């Protein structure tokens, strides 16, 4: 089943290459979406694809990034919209 995850990653997550890591892992998993820094110091991830692959992405973000100090991740799940054509880093 195709799902969409909108996640806000809190903690020391900017300036540690979390966006690059997320994009790279998302491409490995053939996911579509975006990742961007937000003005409040969080990172926003929007990812669409097979539900198991989207879950694998957020697990990787939570556990595999060496430098991010994640305190929590807010997750909102919905049906995929098909709005994305690749997985891109958006400039804030």
N, C-alpha and C. Protein backbone atom coordinates (compact mmCIF):
# COMPACT_ATOMS: atom_id res chain seq x y z
N UNK A 1 0.84 -1.19 0.00
CA UNK A 1 0.00 0.00 0.00
C UNK A 1 0.88 1.25 0.00
N UNK A 2 0.51 2.22 -0.82
CA UNK A 2 1.25 3.46 -0.92
C UNK A 2 0.80 4.42 0.19
N UNK A 3 1.77 4.93 0.93
CA UNK A 3 1.48 5.83 2.06
C UNK A 3 2.31 7.10 1.95
N UNK A 4 1.87 8.12 2.66
CA UNK A 4 2.60 9.38 2.78
C UNK A 4 2.88 9.64 4.25
N UNK A 5 4.11 9.98 4.54
CA UNK A 5 4.49 10.36 5.90
C UNK A 5 4.93 11.81 5.89
N UNK A 6 4.34 12.59 6.78
CA UNK A 6 4.79 13.95 7.04
C UNK A 6 5.39 13.91 8.44
N UNK A 7 6.69 14.17 8.54
CA UNK A 7 7.38 14.07 9.83
C UNK A 7 8.13 15.36 10.13
N UNK A 8 8.11 15.74 11.40
CA UNK A 8 8.91 16.86 11.89
C UNK A 8 9.91 16.28 12.88
N UNK A 9 11.19 16.48 12.59
CA UNK A 9 12.27 15.92 13.39
C UNK A 9 12.82 17.02 14.30
N UNK A 10 12.77 16.78 15.61
CA UNK A 10 13.20 17.75 16.61
C UNK A 10 14.55 17.34 17.21
N UNK A 11 15.28 18.33 17.71
CA UNK A 11 16.56 18.10 18.37
C UNK A 11 17.63 18.91 17.69
N UNK A 12 18.88 18.47 17.82
CA UNK A 12 20.00 19.11 17.12
C UNK A 12 20.10 18.42 15.77
N UNK A 13 19.32 18.92 14.80
CA UNK A 13 19.16 18.22 13.53
C UNK A 13 19.54 19.05 12.31
N UNK A 14 19.87 20.32 12.50
CA UNK A 14 20.31 21.14 11.38
C UNK A 14 21.82 21.31 11.42
N UNK A 15 22.44 21.38 10.24
CA UNK A 15 23.88 21.56 10.15
C UNK A 15 24.67 20.29 10.40
N UNK A 16 24.01 19.13 10.31
CA UNK A 16 24.68 17.84 10.57
C UNK A 16 24.48 16.87 9.40
N UNK A 17 24.09 17.40 8.23
CA UNK A 17 23.88 16.62 7.00
C UNK A 17 22.69 15.66 7.09
N UNK A 18 21.72 15.94 7.95
CA UNK A 18 20.55 15.07 8.04
C UNK A 18 19.73 15.10 6.76
N UNK A 19 19.64 16.26 6.10
CA UNK A 19 18.88 16.33 4.85
C UNK A 19 19.54 15.46 3.77
N UNK A 20 20.86 15.55 3.64
CA UNK A 20 21.56 14.73 2.64
C UNK A 20 21.39 13.24 2.94
N UNK A 21 21.52 12.87 4.22
CA UNK A 21 21.35 11.48 4.62
C UNK A 21 19.94 10.99 4.26
N UNK A 22 18.94 11.82 4.58
CA UNK A 22 17.55 11.45 4.33
C UNK A 22 17.29 11.27 2.83
N UNK A 23 17.78 12.21 2.03
CA UNK A 23 17.59 12.10 0.57
C UNK A 23 18.26 10.85 0.03
N UNK A 24 19.49 10.58 0.46
CA UNK A 24 20.22 9.41 -0.01
C UNK A 24 19.48 8.12 0.34
N UNK A 25 19.05 8.01 1.58
CA UNK A 25 18.35 6.80 2.03
C UNK A 25 17.00 6.67 1.31
N UNK A 26 16.29 7.78 1.12
CA UNK A 26 15.01 7.75 0.42
C UNK A 26 15.18 7.27 -1.01
N UNK A 27 16.24 7.72 -1.67
CA UNK A 27 16.49 7.27 -3.05
C UNK A 27 16.82 5.79 -3.08
N UNK A 28 17.57 5.29 -2.09
CA UNK A 28 17.86 3.86 -2.01
C UNK A 28 16.57 3.05 -1.90
N UNK A 29 15.58 3.62 -1.22
CA UNK A 29 14.31 2.94 -0.99
C UNK A 29 13.26 3.24 -2.06
N UNK A 30 13.67 4.00 -3.09
CA UNK A 30 12.77 4.39 -4.20
C UNK A 30 11.56 5.17 -3.72
N UNK A 31 11.79 6.06 -2.76
CA UNK A 31 10.71 6.91 -2.24
C UNK A 31 10.71 8.26 -2.95
N UNK A 32 9.58 8.91 -2.92
CA UNK A 32 9.41 10.25 -3.47
C UNK A 32 9.10 11.20 -2.32
N UNK A 33 9.49 12.48 -2.48
CA UNK A 33 9.16 13.46 -1.45
C UNK A 33 10.16 14.57 -1.34
N UNK A 34 10.20 15.17 -0.16
CA UNK A 34 11.08 16.30 0.11
C UNK A 34 11.59 16.26 1.54
N UNK A 35 12.68 16.97 1.75
CA UNK A 35 13.21 17.19 3.10
C UNK A 35 13.71 18.63 3.14
N UNK A 36 13.47 19.31 4.26
CA UNK A 36 13.92 20.70 4.37
C UNK A 36 14.10 21.11 5.82
N UNK A 37 15.01 22.08 6.02
CA UNK A 37 15.15 22.72 7.32
C UNK A 37 14.01 23.71 7.48
N UNK A 38 13.47 23.79 8.69
CA UNK A 38 12.45 24.78 9.00
C UNK A 38 13.05 25.87 9.87
N UNK A 39 12.47 27.07 9.84
CA UNK A 39 13.04 28.19 10.60
C UNK A 39 13.14 27.95 12.11
N UNK A 40 12.33 27.05 12.66
CA UNK A 40 12.35 26.81 14.10
C UNK A 40 13.43 25.82 14.53
N UNK A 41 14.29 25.37 13.59
CA UNK A 41 15.38 24.47 13.94
C UNK A 41 15.07 23.00 13.74
N UNK A 42 13.86 22.69 13.29
CA UNK A 42 13.49 21.31 13.02
C UNK A 42 13.75 20.98 11.55
N UNK A 43 13.59 19.70 11.22
CA UNK A 43 13.68 19.25 9.83
C UNK A 43 12.36 18.59 9.48
N UNK A 44 11.82 18.96 8.31
CA UNK A 44 10.56 18.41 7.84
C UNK A 44 10.84 17.38 6.74
N UNK A 45 10.23 16.22 6.87
CA UNK A 45 10.34 15.17 5.87
C UNK A 45 8.94 14.83 5.37
N UNK A 46 8.76 14.84 4.05
CA UNK A 46 7.54 14.35 3.43
C UNK A 46 7.98 13.23 2.50
N UNK A 47 7.51 12.02 2.76
CA UNK A 47 7.94 10.86 1.98
C UNK A 47 6.75 10.02 1.57
N UNK A 48 6.75 9.60 0.31
CA UNK A 48 5.69 8.74 -0.21
C UNK A 48 6.28 7.50 -0.86
N UNK A 49 5.55 6.40 -0.71
CA UNK A 49 5.95 5.16 -1.34
C UNK A 49 5.33 3.99 -0.60
N UNK A 50 5.88 2.82 -0.85
CA UNK A 50 5.44 1.62 -0.17
C UNK A 50 5.58 1.84 1.34
N UNK A 51 4.54 1.49 2.09
CA UNK A 51 4.53 1.78 3.54
C UNK A 51 5.75 1.20 4.26
N UNK A 52 6.14 -0.01 3.93
CA UNK A 52 7.29 -0.63 4.59
C UNK A 52 8.56 0.16 4.32
N UNK A 53 8.70 0.68 3.11
CA UNK A 53 9.89 1.46 2.76
C UNK A 53 9.89 2.82 3.46
N UNK A 54 8.72 3.44 3.57
CA UNK A 54 8.64 4.72 4.28
C UNK A 54 8.98 4.51 5.75
N UNK A 55 8.49 3.43 6.33
CA UNK A 55 8.84 3.12 7.72
C UNK A 55 10.33 2.85 7.88
N UNK A 56 10.93 2.19 6.89
CA UNK A 56 12.38 1.95 6.92
C UNK A 56 13.14 3.26 6.88
N UNK A 57 12.66 4.23 6.10
CA UNK A 57 13.31 5.54 6.03
C UNK A 57 13.31 6.22 7.40
N UNK A 58 12.15 6.29 8.03
CA UNK A 58 12.07 7.02 9.30
C UNK A 58 12.85 6.29 10.39
N UNK A 59 12.92 4.98 10.32
CA UNK A 59 13.75 4.22 11.26
C UNK A 59 15.23 4.54 11.04
N UNK A 60 15.64 4.64 9.79
CA UNK A 60 17.03 5.00 9.48
C UNK A 60 17.37 6.39 10.00
N UNK A 61 16.46 7.33 9.78
CA UNK A 61 16.68 8.70 10.26
C UNK A 61 16.83 8.69 11.77
N UNK A 62 15.98 7.93 12.44
CA UNK A 62 15.97 7.89 13.90
C UNK A 62 17.22 7.22 14.48
N UNK A 63 17.75 6.18 13.81
CA UNK A 63 18.78 5.34 14.44
C UNK A 63 20.14 5.31 13.75
N UNK A 64 20.24 5.69 12.49
CA UNK A 64 21.48 5.48 11.76
C UNK A 64 22.32 6.72 11.52
N UNK A 65 21.76 7.91 11.69
CA UNK A 65 22.54 9.12 11.44
C UNK A 65 23.47 9.38 12.61
N UNK A 66 24.76 9.55 12.31
CA UNK A 66 25.78 9.63 13.35
C UNK A 66 25.78 10.92 14.15
N UNK A 67 25.41 12.05 13.53
CA UNK A 67 25.63 13.34 14.19
C UNK A 67 24.36 14.02 14.69
N UNK A 68 23.22 13.68 14.16
CA UNK A 68 21.97 14.29 14.62
C UNK A 68 21.66 13.81 16.03
N UNK A 69 21.18 14.71 16.85
CA UNK A 69 20.72 14.37 18.20
C UNK A 69 19.20 14.57 18.23
N UNK A 70 18.50 13.53 17.85
CA UNK A 70 17.05 13.61 17.70
C UNK A 70 16.39 13.39 19.06
N UNK A 71 15.52 14.33 19.42
CA UNK A 71 14.79 14.20 20.68
C UNK A 71 13.40 13.59 20.47
N UNK A 72 12.79 13.88 19.31
CA UNK A 72 11.49 13.28 18.99
C UNK A 72 11.18 13.51 17.52
N UNK A 73 10.29 12.68 17.01
CA UNK A 73 9.80 12.82 15.65
C UNK A 73 8.28 12.77 15.69
N UNK A 74 7.66 13.83 15.20
CA UNK A 74 6.21 13.87 15.06
C UNK A 74 5.87 13.25 13.71
N UNK A 75 4.97 12.28 13.69
CA UNK A 75 4.60 11.59 12.45
C UNK A 75 3.11 11.73 12.19
N UNK A 76 2.77 12.08 10.96
CA UNK A 76 1.38 12.09 10.49
C UNK A 76 1.34 11.26 9.21
N UNK A 77 0.56 10.20 9.23
CA UNK A 77 0.45 9.28 8.10
C UNK A 77 -0.85 9.53 7.35
N UNK A 78 -0.79 9.39 6.02
CA UNK A 78 -1.98 9.51 5.18
C UNK A 78 -1.78 8.68 3.92
N UNK A 79 -2.78 8.69 3.07
CA UNK A 79 -2.66 8.01 1.78
C UNK A 79 -1.73 8.83 0.89
N UNK A 80 -0.98 8.16 0.04
CA UNK A 80 -0.09 8.84 -0.91
C UNK A 80 -0.93 9.70 -1.87
N UNK A 81 -0.37 10.84 -2.25
CA UNK A 81 -1.07 11.75 -3.15
C UNK A 81 -0.53 11.70 -4.57
N UNK A 82 0.69 11.20 -4.74
CA UNK A 82 1.30 11.20 -6.06
C UNK A 82 1.81 12.56 -6.48
N UNK A 83 1.98 13.47 -5.53
CA UNK A 83 2.37 14.84 -5.83
C UNK A 83 3.88 15.01 -6.12
N UNK A 84 4.69 14.02 -5.81
CA UNK A 84 6.13 14.17 -5.94
C UNK A 84 6.67 13.43 -7.16
N UNK A 85 7.76 13.96 -7.73
CA UNK A 85 8.37 13.33 -8.90
C UNK A 85 9.76 12.79 -8.61
N UNK A 86 10.32 13.11 -7.47
CA UNK A 86 11.64 12.64 -7.05
C UNK A 86 11.73 12.82 -5.56
N UNK A 87 12.95 12.76 -5.02
CA UNK A 87 13.13 13.07 -3.60
C UNK A 87 14.15 14.20 -3.54
N UNK A 88 13.71 15.38 -3.11
CA UNK A 88 14.52 16.58 -3.20
C UNK A 88 14.70 17.27 -1.86
N UNK A 89 15.84 17.95 -1.74
CA UNK A 89 16.08 18.85 -0.62
C UNK A 89 15.54 20.21 -1.02
N UNK A 90 14.63 20.74 -0.22
CA UNK A 90 14.10 22.08 -0.46
C UNK A 90 14.94 23.08 0.32
N UNK A 91 15.20 24.19 -0.29
CA UNK A 91 15.95 25.26 0.38
C UNK A 91 14.99 26.06 1.24
N UNK A 92 15.43 26.38 2.48
CA UNK A 92 14.55 27.12 3.38
C UNK A 92 14.66 28.60 3.13
